[in-house]
Amino acid sequence: TNCESSVRLLVTVTVTDPATPTTNNATQSFCLTNAPTVASLQVNETGVVWYNVATGGTPLAPGTLLVAGTYYAALKDATTGCESSLRLSVQVNFTGNDPVTITPSKAAPCVFDEIMYTTASGMSNYNWTITGGGTITAGGLATDNFVTVSWPAIGPASVSVSYSNQCNETNSKLLTLAVATCSDITMSKTVDNPTPNINDKVTFTVTVNNVGSGDFIDTIVSEILPTGYDFISAQTTTGTYSNITGAWNIPVLNANESAVLTVVVQVLPTGNYLNVATVVVSNPIDSDTTNNHGEASVTPVCLVVYNEFTPNNDGANDVFKIDCIENYPNNSLNVYNRYGSLVYKQDHYNNDWDGIANVSGAINKGDKLPAGTYYYVLDIGADGVVKTGWLSIIR
């Protein structure tokens, strides 16, 4: 009939929603070796039910072992058995299983480098060990998560550390290294005047470069002057030079720096004019010694042979002249005609030949040589130097 009852039933409804649980730490860390369970999670209320999902799911038993991840807590009313509609989220992490690391301030050590090595902070009982001759210059104590090491020599080396983590476990790490020479010494040598006159002063400049990222100490360069020069003075941008020993000592040559030695000399009439400089000692040993050498030489222009003379007794150009021949008293001069016959021979020649043969053969000794072209061989009698060429007699 679609009729309703005239008297209605009264039903009182109560909806219960407990508060969401709270915690002092939304991210909680545990030692894995302690085998933590759901009961180990920290909340500020009692009667909490734990889940591994945000909604729904099956309550976890208090003895369930924890795994890394997120857990959710609902507060359960003891009277009604109702749970809070909103669940507390707690992130679970584990300590004690993190790998130990050693982080260097520079990946590959060069000899004489100072490098800082750092590991995890907040641990206890740090124990640093250095091999390969490295010296600790900072840190390295039981409370330090870092150590600074100076490497004085090339070769194999290592840095190791052990410490106790928050779980009172001992962790350790070994970092193997190879200390190397990270720079190369190069050398160059120049002379300001390669064709001086005898007795002129010339300046040799020796430049030593450290190419790379490592330093050198106690470097010695040999700069011994050959016999063709007389020492005047020397100046260096760093270190000291001895003209007695020829040693240039460079105490420190830093990375990407240069050292310069200038030597002023006087050119002598005779001698060896090839001036050679060489790196003989470096610390560490230079990895590439092929460029540790520099040389420069001069060719004195004083010994000039004049190729024509006119022996006609007019007082001008009457003799075969060689400039500075007086500086070579042990010389010997041989002159040949165009057919290779000896026509003049003189030891200790002193600019006095007037075109008269002093050897019999192609022409009689004492006769005047006819006008023409001749060939000379001049041995100056010093360091095996022989000059050859042609000369013309014009009559």
Protein backbone atom coordinates (compact mmCIF):
# COMPACT_ATOMS: atom_id res chain seq x y z
CA THR A 1 0.00 0.00 0.00
CA ASN A 2 3.15 2.15 0.26
CA CYS A 3 2.08 3.23 3.73
CA GLU A 4 4.80 4.03 6.41
CA SER A 5 4.57 3.18 10.08
CA SER A 6 3.26 6.02 12.18
CA VAL A 7 5.97 5.44 14.86
CA ARG A 8 9.66 5.46 13.86
CA LEU A 9 12.54 3.54 15.45
CA LEU A 10 15.32 5.70 16.91
CA VAL A 11 18.87 4.46 16.09
CA THR A 12 21.89 6.40 17.46
CA VAL A 13 25.05 6.09 15.29
CA THR A 14 28.58 6.83 16.59
CA VAL A 15 31.50 7.01 14.09
CA THR A 16 34.87 6.42 15.80
CA ASP A 17 38.14 7.55 14.07
CA PRO A 18 41.18 7.39 16.38
CA ALA A 19 43.97 9.95 15.85
CA THR A 20 46.87 9.15 13.54
CA PRO A 21 49.91 7.81 15.46
CA THR A 22 52.99 10.05 15.88
CA THR A 23 56.76 9.40 15.97
CA ASN A 24 59.90 11.25 16.88
CA ASN A 25 61.64 10.14 13.69
CA ALA A 26 59.91 9.59 10.37
CA THR A 27 63.08 7.96 9.03
CA GLN A 28 64.43 5.28 11.32
CA SER A 29 67.79 3.50 10.92
CA PHE A 30 68.65 0.11 12.35
CA CYS A 31 71.70 -2.09 12.49
CA LEU A 32 71.15 -5.04 10.22
CA THR A 33 73.10 -7.32 12.51
CA ASN A 34 70.58 -6.64 15.30
CA ALA A 35 67.78 -8.29 13.27
CA PRO A 36 65.19 -5.54 13.99
CA THR A 37 61.46 -6.40 13.91
CA VAL A 38 58.22 -4.44 13.57
CA ALA A 39 58.22 -4.11 17.35
CA SER A 40 61.47 -2.11 17.04
CA LEU A 41 59.72 0.76 15.22
CA GLN A 42 59.33 3.88 17.39
CA VAL A 43 55.92 5.57 17.90
CA ASN A 44 54.64 7.69 20.73
CA GLU A 45 51.36 5.82 21.33
CA THR A 46 50.33 2.31 22.37
CA GLY A 47 47.89 0.10 20.55
CA VAL A 48 49.47 0.72 17.15
CA VAL A 49 48.94 -1.71 14.29
CA TRP A 50 51.60 -1.85 11.52
CA TYR A 51 51.12 -2.46 7.80
CA ASN A 52 53.39 -2.50 4.78
CA VAL A 53 50.77 -0.71 2.64
CA ALA A 54 49.16 2.73 3.02
CA THR A 55 45.58 1.41 2.95
CA GLY A 56 44.04 -1.97 3.46
CA GLY A 57 46.38 -4.91 3.80
CA THR A 58 47.01 -7.36 6.61
CA PRO A 59 48.42 -6.26 9.99
CA LEU A 60 52.04 -7.28 10.55
CA ALA A 61 52.96 -9.41 13.52
CA PRO A 62 55.27 -7.62 16.01
CA GLY A 63 57.99 -10.21 15.37
CA THR A 64 58.10 -9.64 11.62
CA LEU A 65 61.68 -8.85 10.53
CA LEU A 66 62.10 -5.39 9.07
CA VAL A 67 63.32 -4.79 5.55
CA ALA A 68 64.37 -1.49 4.01
CA GLY A 69 61.30 0.40 2.87
CA THR A 70 58.18 2.20 4.15
CA TYR A 71 55.91 1.00 6.96
CA TYR A 72 52.49 2.38 7.93
CA ALA A 73 51.01 2.61 11.45
CA ALA A 74 47.34 2.89 12.45
CA LEU A 75 46.14 3.63 16.00
CA LYS A 76 43.56 1.09 17.23
CA ASP A 77 40.90 2.10 19.76
CA ALA A 78 40.94 -0.39 22.62
CA THR A 79 37.17 -0.08 23.27
CA THR A 80 35.76 -0.07 19.78
CA GLY A 81 38.55 -1.83 17.97
CA CYS A 82 38.44 0.92 15.34
CA GLU A 83 41.66 1.97 13.59
CA SER A 84 42.63 5.48 12.54
CA SER A 85 41.62 6.22 8.97
CA LEU A 86 44.98 7.92 8.30
CA ARG A 87 48.16 5.90 8.81
CA LEU A 88 51.59 7.16 9.91
CA SER A 89 54.39 6.65 7.32
CA VAL A 90 57.83 5.58 8.60
CA GLN A 91 60.87 5.06 6.34
CA VAL A 92 63.20 2.22 7.41
CA ASN A 93 66.93 2.25 6.54
CA PHE A 94 69.80 0.06 7.60
CA THR A 95 73.31 1.06 8.67
CA GLY A 96 76.33 -1.13 8.93
CA ASN A 97 76.17 -2.44 5.39
CA ASP A 98 77.32 0.70 3.57
CA PRO A 99 80.57 0.13 1.58
CA VAL A 100 83.60 1.97 2.92
CA THR A 101 85.01 4.59 0.55
CA ILE A 102 88.20 6.66 0.47
CA THR A 103 87.90 9.81 -1.63
CA PRO A 104 91.16 11.53 -2.66
CA SER A 105 91.40 15.25 -3.43
CA LYS A 106 93.50 14.23 -6.46
CA ALA A 107 93.10 10.93 -8.25
CA ALA A 108 96.69 10.12 -9.23
CA PRO A 109 99.46 11.26 -6.86
CA CYS A 110 102.53 12.94 -8.27
CA VAL A 111 105.78 12.87 -6.35
CA PHE A 112 105.92 15.76 -3.81
CA ASP A 113 102.12 16.16 -3.91
CA GLU A 114 100.11 16.68 -0.73
CA ILE A 115 96.75 14.95 -1.11
CA MET A 116 93.80 14.73 1.28
CA TYR A 117 91.97 11.40 1.62
CA THR A 118 88.47 11.40 3.16
CA THR A 119 86.14 8.65 4.37
CA ALA A 120 82.69 8.55 6.02
CA SER A 121 82.13 11.01 8.88
CA GLY A 122 80.46 10.34 12.22
CA MET A 123 82.29 7.06 12.88
CA SER A 124 84.69 6.20 15.71
CA ASN A 125 88.13 4.69 16.19
CA TYR A 126 89.54 5.71 12.81
CA ASN A 127 92.83 3.99 12.01
CA TRP A 128 94.79 5.34 9.03
CA THR A 129 97.76 3.45 7.53
CA ILE A 130 100.10 4.80 4.83
CA THR A 131 102.65 2.79 2.81
CA GLY A 132 105.12 3.73 0.08
CA GLY A 133 106.98 6.33 2.11
CA GLY A 134 104.09 8.78 2.39
CA THR A 135 104.16 11.20 5.32
CA ILE A 136 101.03 12.32 7.19
CA THR A 137 100.98 16.12 7.36
CA ALA A 138 97.44 16.61 8.74
CA GLY A 139 94.62 14.52 10.19
CA GLY A 140 95.04 10.78 10.59
CA LEU A 141 93.96 10.69 14.26
CA ALA A 142 91.42 8.27 15.77
CA THR A 143 88.79 11.02 15.58
CA ASP A 144 89.62 12.16 12.03
CA ASN A 145 87.72 11.00 8.96
CA PHE A 146 90.53 12.44 6.78
CA VAL A 147 94.27 12.33 6.37
CA THR A 148 96.62 14.53 4.32
CA VAL A 149 99.65 12.73 2.90
CA SER A 150 102.83 14.06 1.29
CA TRP A 151 104.39 11.69 -1.26
CA PRO A 152 108.20 12.13 -1.43
CA ALA A 153 109.13 9.34 -3.85
CA ILE A 154 107.83 7.54 -6.90
CA GLY A 155 106.66 3.93 -6.69
CA PRO A 156 103.76 1.81 -5.36
CA ALA A 157 101.91 3.10 -2.31
CA SER A 158 98.61 2.75 -0.47
CA VAL A 159 96.22 4.47 1.92
CA SER A 160 93.98 2.34 4.16
CA VAL A 161 91.44 3.14 6.87
CA SER A 162 89.35 1.18 9.34
CA TYR A 163 86.69 2.46 11.77
CA SER A 164 83.77 1.39 13.97
CA ASN A 165 80.35 2.30 12.59
CA GLN A 166 77.17 3.12 14.50
CA CYS A 167 76.47 -0.59 14.87
CA ASN A 168 79.90 -1.09 16.50
CA GLU A 169 81.06 -3.03 13.46
CA THR A 170 84.61 -2.65 12.13
CA ASN A 171 84.82 -1.61 8.48
CA SER A 172 87.97 -1.13 6.41
CA LYS A 173 89.11 0.01 2.97
CA LEU A 174 92.44 -0.21 1.08
CA LEU A 175 93.25 2.25 -1.71
CA THR A 176 96.25 1.20 -3.82
CA LEU A 177 98.24 3.95 -5.55
CA ALA A 178 101.19 4.49 -7.88
CA VAL A 179 103.15 7.65 -7.17
CA ALA A 180 104.57 8.90 -10.45
CA THR A 181 106.57 11.68 -12.02
CA CYS A 182 103.90 13.94 -13.48
CA SER A 183 106.22 16.44 -15.13
CA ASP A 184 108.92 16.54 -17.77
CA ILE A 185 112.07 18.65 -17.74
CA THR A 186 112.83 20.22 -21.11
CA MET A 187 115.82 22.34 -22.01
CA SER A 188 116.78 24.88 -24.65
CA LYS A 189 120.00 26.81 -25.29
CA THR A 190 120.69 29.86 -27.45
CA VAL A 191 123.54 32.25 -28.16
CA ASP A 192 122.97 35.93 -28.91
CA ASN A 193 125.61 36.15 -31.66
CA PRO A 194 126.46 32.96 -33.58
CA THR A 195 129.11 34.67 -35.78
CA PRO A 196 131.23 36.83 -33.47
CA ASN A 197 134.69 38.16 -34.00
CA ILE A 198 137.58 36.76 -32.03
CA ASN A 199 137.68 38.32 -28.52
CA ASP A 200 134.03 39.41 -28.77
CA LYS A 201 131.72 38.73 -25.83
CA VAL A 202 128.70 36.52 -26.44
CA THR A 203 125.90 35.43 -24.11
CA PHE A 204 124.61 31.88 -23.84
CA THR A 205 121.09 31.44 -22.41
CA VAL A 206 120.06 28.10 -20.92
CA THR A 207 116.35 27.67 -20.14
CA VAL A 208 115.06 24.72 -18.10
CA ASN A 209 111.29 24.14 -18.14
CA ASN A 210 109.12 22.00 -15.88
CA VAL A 211 106.28 20.87 -18.12
CA GLY A 212 103.48 19.22 -16.13
CA SER A 213 101.81 19.14 -12.74
CA GLY A 214 104.59 17.84 -10.47
CA ASP A 215 107.59 19.56 -8.88
CA PHE A 216 111.31 18.80 -9.13
CA ILE A 217 113.89 19.42 -6.40
CA ASP A 218 117.69 19.39 -6.33
CA THR A 219 118.07 19.53 -10.10
CA ILE A 220 121.64 19.85 -11.42
CA VAL A 221 122.46 21.09 -14.92
CA SER A 222 125.97 20.63 -16.35
CA GLU A 223 127.10 23.76 -18.22
CA ILE A 224 130.85 23.29 -18.69
CA LEU A 225 132.38 25.87 -20.99
CA PRO A 226 134.42 24.38 -23.85
CA THR A 227 137.97 25.50 -24.62
CA GLY A 228 136.92 28.15 -27.13
CA TYR A 229 135.62 30.53 -24.46
CA ASP A 230 136.85 32.46 -21.47
CA PHE A 231 134.30 32.90 -18.65
CA ILE A 232 133.22 36.48 -17.87
CA SER A 233 130.08 36.31 -15.72
CA ALA A 234 126.87 34.35 -15.06
CA GLN A 235 123.41 35.09 -13.71
CA THR A 236 120.50 32.79 -12.76
CA THR A 237 116.83 33.35 -12.05
CA THR A 238 117.02 30.61 -9.43
CA GLY A 239 119.77 28.50 -7.90
CA THR A 240 123.53 28.93 -8.18
CA TYR A 241 126.07 28.38 -10.96
CA SER A 242 129.79 27.63 -10.61
CA ASN A 243 132.02 28.30 -13.59
CA ILE A 244 134.68 26.15 -11.90
CA THR A 245 132.61 22.95 -11.84
CA GLY A 246 130.11 23.96 -14.52
CA ALA A 247 127.25 22.88 -12.22
CA TRP A 248 124.01 24.85 -12.04
CA ASN A 249 122.09 23.78 -8.92
CA ILE A 250 118.32 24.41 -8.97
CA PRO A 251 116.84 23.71 -5.50
CA VAL A 252 113.16 23.77 -6.55
CA LEU A 253 111.56 23.79 -9.98
CA ASN A 254 107.80 23.98 -9.51
CA ALA A 255 105.23 22.73 -11.96
CA ASN A 256 104.88 24.84 -15.12
CA GLU A 257 107.80 27.08 -14.12
CA SER A 258 111.11 27.83 -15.83
CA ALA A 259 114.63 28.61 -14.67
CA VAL A 260 117.11 30.61 -16.75
CA LEU A 261 120.92 30.74 -16.69
CA THR A 262 122.82 33.34 -18.72
CA VAL A 263 126.57 32.97 -19.17
CA VAL A 264 128.70 35.74 -20.68
CA VAL A 265 131.96 34.55 -22.29
CA GLN A 266 134.76 35.89 -24.46
CA VAL A 267 135.46 34.12 -27.74
CA LEU A 268 139.04 32.85 -27.86
CA PRO A 269 141.12 32.57 -31.06
CA THR A 270 141.19 28.78 -30.89
CA GLY A 271 139.32 25.98 -29.20
CA ASN A 272 136.06 24.12 -29.24
CA TYR A 273 133.07 26.42 -29.77
CA LEU A 274 130.26 23.87 -29.25
CA ASN A 275 128.67 24.66 -25.88
CA VAL A 276 126.51 21.84 -24.48
CA ALA A 277 124.23 21.88 -21.40
CA THR A 278 122.66 18.74 -19.93
CA VAL A 279 120.41 17.86 -16.98
CA VAL A 280 122.51 15.36 -15.01
CA VAL A 281 120.45 15.06 -11.80
CA SER A 282 116.75 15.49 -11.08
CA ASN A 283 114.56 14.47 -8.17
CA PRO A 284 112.43 12.63 -9.05
CA ILE A 285 114.13 11.08 -12.07
CA ASP A 286 112.75 12.69 -15.19
CA SER A 287 110.46 10.36 -17.11
CA ASP A 288 111.74 11.58 -20.50
CA THR A 289 115.44 12.35 -20.72
CA THR A 290 115.53 12.77 -24.50
CA ASN A 291 114.83 16.50 -24.17
CA ASN A 292 117.25 17.18 -21.29
CA HIS A 293 119.96 18.47 -23.61
CA GLY A 294 120.65 21.80 -25.27
CA GLU A 295 123.54 23.10 -27.34
CA ALA A 296 124.66 26.20 -29.19
CA SER A 297 127.85 27.16 -30.97
CA VAL A 298 129.52 30.09 -32.67
CA THR A 299 131.62 30.38 -35.79
CA PRO A 300 134.20 33.14 -35.34
CA VAL A 301 134.52 35.25 -38.45
CA CYS A 302 138.08 36.45 -37.76
CA LEU A 303 139.75 33.66 -39.75
CA VAL A 304 138.93 35.09 -43.20
CA VAL A 305 140.84 33.88 -46.30
CA TYR A 306 141.11 36.46 -49.09
CA ASN A 307 140.84 34.60 -52.38
CA GLU A 308 142.66 37.09 -54.65
CA PHE A 309 145.99 38.92 -54.50
CA THR A 310 148.14 40.84 -56.97
CA PRO A 311 151.86 40.24 -56.30
CA ASN A 312 153.19 43.15 -58.40
CA ASN A 313 155.11 45.00 -55.66
CA ASP A 314 152.87 48.04 -55.77
CA GLY A 315 152.39 47.90 -52.04
CA ALA A 316 148.71 46.91 -52.27
CA ASN A 317 147.43 43.38 -51.99
CA ASP A 318 150.84 41.95 -52.79
CA VAL A 319 150.58 38.86 -50.55
CA PHE A 320 148.10 36.07 -49.86
CA LYS A 321 146.33 37.31 -46.73
CA ILE A 322 144.44 35.41 -44.04
CA ASP A 323 142.93 37.49 -41.24
CA CYS A 324 143.89 36.40 -37.72
CA ILE A 325 146.32 33.76 -38.92
CA GLU A 326 148.66 35.01 -36.20
CA ASN A 327 146.26 33.46 -33.68
CA TYR A 328 147.11 30.04 -35.08
CA PRO A 329 150.91 29.84 -34.98
CA ASN A 330 150.90 26.06 -35.50
CA ASN A 331 149.19 26.34 -38.88
CA SER A 332 150.36 24.85 -42.15
CA LEU A 333 149.48 26.01 -45.67
CA ASN A 334 149.66 23.96 -48.88
CA VAL A 335 148.84 25.44 -52.31
CA TYR A 336 148.21 23.35 -55.44
CA ASN A 337 147.83 24.26 -59.10
CA ARG A 338 144.81 23.23 -61.11
CA TYR A 339 146.42 19.88 -61.89
CA GLY A 340 146.92 18.99 -58.23
CA SER A 341 150.67 19.65 -58.12
CA LEU A 342 152.05 21.22 -54.97
CA VAL A 343 153.54 24.64 -55.67
CA TYR A 344 153.82 26.19 -52.20
CA LYS A 345 154.19 24.73 -48.74
CA GLN A 346 154.67 26.64 -45.49
CA ASP A 347 154.38 25.80 -41.81
CA HIS A 348 153.59 28.70 -39.45
CA TYR A 349 152.32 30.81 -42.33
CA ASN A 350 152.19 34.51 -41.44
CA ASN A 351 150.73 36.41 -44.41
CA ASP A 352 154.02 36.64 -46.33
CA TRP A 353 153.56 34.61 -49.56
CA ASP A 354 153.98 36.75 -52.64
CA GLY A 355 153.11 34.15 -55.27
CA ILE A 356 156.57 32.58 -55.65
CA ALA A 357 156.83 28.79 -55.68
CA ASN A 358 158.89 27.23 -52.90
CA VAL A 359 158.45 23.66 -54.14
CA SER A 360 160.01 22.32 -57.35
CA GLY A 361 157.85 20.23 -59.62
CA ALA A 362 155.22 21.86 -61.74
CA ILE A 363 157.43 24.94 -61.69
CA ASN A 364 160.92 25.59 -60.43
CA LYS A 365 161.38 26.61 -56.84
CA GLY A 366 161.82 30.39 -56.64
CA ASP A 367 159.88 31.11 -59.83
CA LYS A 368 156.83 33.31 -59.94
CA LEU A 369 153.61 31.39 -60.31
CA PRO A 370 151.64 32.39 -63.38
CA ALA A 371 148.35 34.17 -63.04
CA GLY A 372 145.51 31.75 -62.55
CA THR A 373 143.42 29.82 -60.07
CA TYR A 374 144.97 27.69 -57.37
CA TYR A 375 143.67 25.49 -54.58
CA TYR A 376 144.72 25.85 -50.92
CA VAL A 377 144.51 23.59 -47.85
CA LEU A 378 144.93 25.41 -44.52
CA ASP A 379 145.31 23.39 -41.33
CA ILE A 380 145.05 25.90 -38.49
CA GLY A 381 146.66 23.46 -36.07
CA ALA A 382 143.85 23.59 -33.49
CA ASP A 383 141.07 21.08 -32.81
CA GLY A 384 141.60 19.48 -36.21
CA VAL A 385 140.12 22.43 -38.12
CA VAL A 386 141.08 22.45 -41.83
CA LYS A 387 139.95 25.10 -44.27
CA THR A 388 140.04 24.56 -48.02
CA GLY A 389 139.20 26.73 -51.00
CA TRP A 390 140.45 28.46 -54.12
CA LEU A 391 142.60 31.54 -54.65
CA SER A 392 143.48 33.63 -57.70
CA ILE A 393 146.83 35.17 -58.57
CA ILE A 394 146.35 38.25 -60.69
CA ARG A 395 149.40 39.75 -62.40
